[in-house]
């Protein structure tokens, strides 16, 4: 029932993973695109003669940084939130050890390609605004 799962211990489940993921993701989309855009315009003025032309590679790199740096935290958080009964994934460190034990290092990057595609679009939009 909703009452059995909507309790204070479940509301914050995966909070550590979400907090770290959001902090790093914010650094990625706020800092990387402006730096890359300015660098491209300064070092390759004939190719990137406007903000608009430099925006696409800047969004690609910002999304890449944000996605692959935050993906392990997102994977752990998602595993924890998907196991609300805490049968397999207990706490943050325990969940990380389960993912690593089952799939090795690459297990932390399951779904990263699709997430990267979504992030590039999001970073491009936010960089434009």
Protein backbone atom coordinates (compact mmCIF):
# COMPACT_ATOMS: atom_id res chain seq x y z
CA UNK A 1 0.00 0.00 0.00
CA UNK A 2 1.01 3.62 -0.36
CA UNK A 3 1.05 4.03 3.40
CA UNK A 4 3.60 1.24 3.80
CA UNK A 5 6.08 2.75 1.33
CA UNK A 6 5.46 6.48 1.85
CA UNK A 7 7.31 6.75 5.13
CA UNK A 8 10.26 8.97 6.13
CA UNK A 9 12.88 6.23 5.65
CA UNK A 10 11.81 5.66 2.04
CA UNK A 11 11.34 9.30 1.03
CA UNK A 12 15.08 10.01 1.26
CA UNK A 13 16.16 6.65 -0.21
CA UNK A 14 19.01 7.28 -2.65
CA UNK A 15 19.47 10.88 -1.47
CA UNK A 16 23.28 10.63 -1.31
CA UNK A 17 23.47 9.42 -4.91
CA UNK A 18 21.02 12.06 -6.07
CA UNK A 19 22.84 14.87 -4.24
CA UNK A 20 26.27 13.95 -5.61
CA UNK A 21 24.85 13.40 -9.09
CA UNK A 22 23.06 16.75 -9.13
CA UNK A 23 26.10 18.62 -7.78
CA UNK A 24 28.44 17.21 -10.42
CA UNK A 25 25.83 17.55 -13.18
CA UNK A 26 25.34 21.21 -12.31
CA UNK A 27 29.09 21.78 -12.51
CA UNK A 28 29.08 20.10 -15.91
CA UNK A 29 26.32 22.10 -17.51
CA UNK A 30 27.15 25.44 -15.91
CA UNK A 31 30.92 25.48 -16.25
CA UNK A 32 32.03 23.34 -19.17
CA UNK A 33 30.01 24.80 -22.10
CA UNK A 34 30.99 28.46 -21.51
CA UNK A 35 34.67 27.49 -21.13
CA UNK A 36 34.66 25.31 -24.25
CA UNK A 37 32.69 27.88 -26.26
CA UNK A 38 35.13 30.70 -25.36
CA UNK A 39 38.13 28.47 -26.03
CA UNK A 40 36.83 27.42 -29.45
CA UNK A 41 36.05 30.99 -30.46
CA UNK A 42 39.48 32.20 -29.33
CA UNK A 43 41.58 29.37 -30.80
CA UNK A 44 39.59 28.66 -33.96
CA UNK A 45 38.00 32.01 -34.93
CA UNK A 46 37.63 31.08 -38.61
CA UNK A 47 35.51 28.03 -37.77
CA UNK A 48 33.71 29.28 -34.68
CA UNK A 49 33.00 32.89 -35.53
CA UNK A 50 29.79 33.05 -33.50
CA UNK A 51 28.39 31.80 -30.20
CA UNK A 52 25.87 29.68 -32.09
CA UNK A 53 28.55 27.71 -33.97
CA UNK A 54 30.55 27.00 -30.81
CA UNK A 55 27.44 26.04 -28.83
CA UNK A 56 27.05 22.54 -30.29
CA UNK A 57 30.53 21.19 -29.48
CA UNK A 58 30.33 22.94 -26.11
CA UNK A 59 27.05 21.16 -25.33
CA UNK A 60 28.51 17.83 -26.47
CA UNK A 61 31.50 18.18 -24.15
CA UNK A 62 29.47 19.56 -21.25
CA UNK A 63 27.00 16.68 -21.58
CA UNK A 64 29.83 14.17 -21.85
CA UNK A 65 31.48 15.48 -18.70
CA UNK A 66 28.21 15.64 -16.78
CA UNK A 67 26.98 12.24 -17.90
CA UNK A 68 29.97 10.02 -17.41
CA UNK A 69 31.09 11.64 -14.18
CA UNK A 70 27.65 11.31 -12.59
CA UNK A 71 26.50 7.99 -14.07
CA UNK A 72 27.81 5.74 -11.24
CA UNK A 73 25.94 7.80 -8.64
CA UNK A 74 22.79 7.72 -10.74
CA UNK A 75 23.01 3.95 -11.17
CA UNK A 76 23.38 3.37 -7.43
CA UNK A 77 20.54 5.78 -6.65
CA UNK A 78 18.25 4.11 -9.19
CA UNK A 79 19.01 0.64 -7.82
CA UNK A 80 18.26 1.81 -4.30
CA UNK A 81 15.02 3.52 -5.27
CA UNK A 82 13.90 0.50 -7.30
CA UNK A 83 14.35 -1.81 -4.30
CA UNK A 84 12.10 -0.02 -1.83
CA UNK A 85 11.81 -3.16 0.33
CA UNK A 86 15.62 -3.16 0.71
CA UNK A 87 15.91 -6.82 -0.16
CA UNK A 88 18.95 -6.46 -2.43
CA UNK A 89 20.18 -2.87 -2.14
CA UNK A 90 20.46 -1.76 1.47
CA UNK A 91 22.53 1.44 1.78
CA UNK A 92 24.62 3.51 -0.61
CA UNK A 93 27.92 1.67 -0.11
CA UNK A 94 26.23 -1.71 -0.01
CA UNK A 95 24.43 -0.95 -3.26
CA UNK A 96 27.71 0.11 -4.89
CA UNK A 97 29.33 -3.17 -3.82
CA UNK A 98 26.39 -5.18 -5.19
CA UNK A 99 26.55 -3.42 -8.58
CA UNK A 100 30.33 -3.86 -8.72
CA UNK A 101 30.10 -7.49 -7.60
CA UNK A 102 27.53 -8.36 -10.26
CA UNK A 103 28.87 -6.40 -13.24
CA UNK A 104 32.26 -4.98 -12.36
CA UNK A 105 33.21 -1.40 -13.15
CA UNK A 106 31.07 -1.31 -16.30
CA UNK A 107 27.95 -2.03 -14.24
CA UNK A 108 28.01 1.55 -13.02
CA UNK A 109 27.63 2.77 -16.61
CA UNK A 110 24.53 0.81 -17.61
CA UNK A 111 22.25 3.13 -19.57
CA UNK A 112 24.91 5.83 -19.93
CA UNK A 113 24.62 6.12 -23.72
CA UNK A 114 20.92 6.99 -23.61
CA UNK A 115 21.45 9.30 -20.66
CA UNK A 116 24.27 11.06 -22.54
CA UNK A 117 21.99 11.71 -25.52
CA UNK A 118 19.37 13.23 -23.25
CA UNK A 119 21.97 15.32 -21.42
CA UNK A 120 23.48 16.76 -24.59
CA UNK A 121 20.07 18.07 -25.59
CA UNK A 122 19.44 19.41 -22.07
CA UNK A 123 22.87 21.08 -21.82
CA UNK A 124 22.42 22.58 -25.29
CA UNK A 125 19.08 24.06 -24.30
CA UNK A 126 20.38 25.39 -20.97
CA UNK A 127 23.48 26.83 -22.62
CA UNK A 128 21.24 28.62 -25.12
CA UNK A 129 19.05 30.21 -22.43
